[in-house]
Amino acid sequence: MIVSTGATAAATNIIVDGNGGADYTSIQEAVNHSKSGDTIIVSSGTYTENVDVEKELTIISKSGNPEDTIVQAADPSDHVFHVTASNVTISGFNVTGAESTGKSREPCGIFLDGRPELIRTPEGNLDDGIEGGVDGGVPGEVDRDVPREADEGVYACTITNNIISSNILGIFLEESGNNTLSNNTASNNHIAIVLAASDNNELKGNSASDNMGGFFMFGGANNVFSENRISRSRIGFVLDYYSSNNIFSNNAALDNENGFYIRSAENITLINNNASSNNETGIYLDASANNTLEGNRADLNRKYGIHLNHFSRNNVLQNNTVSGNEHGVMLYYYSENNSLKGNIANLNSKNGFYLNETSGNTLKANTANSNGGHGIYLKSSTFNTLDNNTVNSNGLYGIYLDPSNNKTVNPDIITADFKYCRFLEDSSNNNTVSGNCLSSNSEAIVANYSENNIYDNYFDDKTSVKAPFTSMLVAMIDRMRAFLVTR
């Protein structure tokens, strides 16, 4: 139960020293004897305990150095710090050892717990068992339908300058808002930082390395992530399911499996982040709409710089740099009505911009130079607009719109929400290609000119426009002329 903040006595400092000679020898003992508003100052040393914080307190190390003030879980299946009060500060500790999964919930280094609390009968606690009926009043019975009175979550906490190591979850915010996490270092946890249904938090200047997962968010809104760094993790930043209106700026996700992984999220802003040298993809969007990616760098990733997949629609990609990947920018499978403007996709081993089974996208004023494959490649894609792009010195074609004489319906593309097949296998048609500048490519533009609107593009003298089906058209004209002559 959260203690009322209306204390009348003045706030005091309480000193903890495990070696004695202070007010208390354990942090939990100091918490138990404190009042809201007090400051608990912890001397250097190792404290083996699990600390429950149910009051508004400031808990800080005396040295300010987390290397020499260690709080290690006495019970590794329980949280090291379990915070159920607002306005709590935890600073200057090495928080470690919540690494056993023996209990029903994953243990955390620091848990800001804004969940509704269970009310227990006065006679017992949860460990007594719940074998009796609800009406029997058996000791230990739990009424699981009654939340704690006036529960409002956990707010306005500050978690700063801590080392978080060797926990299942490093820092976990659940239904907690307006908190600040800054300058913490997390390593060797299963997941470094998790936000679940938590809004309006600020995470700034934190670093995470050698964790299985970096920063995970499920269902949060209006959070700001800035100047954080994640490296050597399976996934750097994860936004999953109903996360919306969050801002990521000036973060770095380097040397992970994936840098940013965004699924079923919307109105996310990624600006000036660095998602490079990852083993798969720098920035990955799956089934995510109305997001803005601006000024990001996604270089030297093994597969994709930026990948929009599976119904990722109405996104804006502007002034991003994606170089040295296998593909620079990939739009795939009904990722429609996206706007790509002012992006640079150079020196990728295959394609600069690759659109596959997409429709209604606009590529304007982008640069695709010196890629090993095509500068801009459209495969089975329709009704896209390519306008005023610069495409030079690519190994294959500058702009390639997949042409095919053998158009067949691909049954795998027919889905429940499409009553007809929009894309024809290996054919790109009804696209508009105009105002583009191309030079020093193997061929400038390769497309079926009769099925696309291609005009006013600019080529150097070394390239030629190759129009597939020219021989077919010539043969058709010859037959028409022969027919007219015979008439």
Foldseek 3Di string as FASTA:
>chain_A
DADDQPDDDDAEEFEEPCVDPGRYPAPQVVQVPGAAPYEYEYEFDEHADAHEHRHQYEYEYPVQAQVGHEYEYNDLCAENYEYAEANYEYGHHAFERVADVPDPDFYESHEQDLDFDWDADPQADCVVDQPDDPPPPDHNHTDPVDGPPPRQGYEAYEYEHYEFEHGQEYYEGENYEHYEYAHYEYEHYQEDYEYEQYEHYEYEHYEYEHHQEYYEYEQYAHYEYEHYEYEHYQEHYEYEYNYEHYEYEHYEQAHYQEYYEYENYEHYEYAAYEQEHHAEERHEYELYEHYEYYHYEQEHHAAEDYEYEHQHEHYEYAQYEAEHYQEYYEYEQAHEQYEYANYEQEHHAAEDYEYENYEHYEHEQYEQEHYAHEDHEYFQYEHYEYAQYEFEQYNAEDYEFFDDPDWDQDVVSDDPVDPDGDTTGRGYFHYEYENYEYENHPAYYEHQCVGYHYDHYHYDPVHDHDHPCPVVVVVVVVVVVVVVVVD
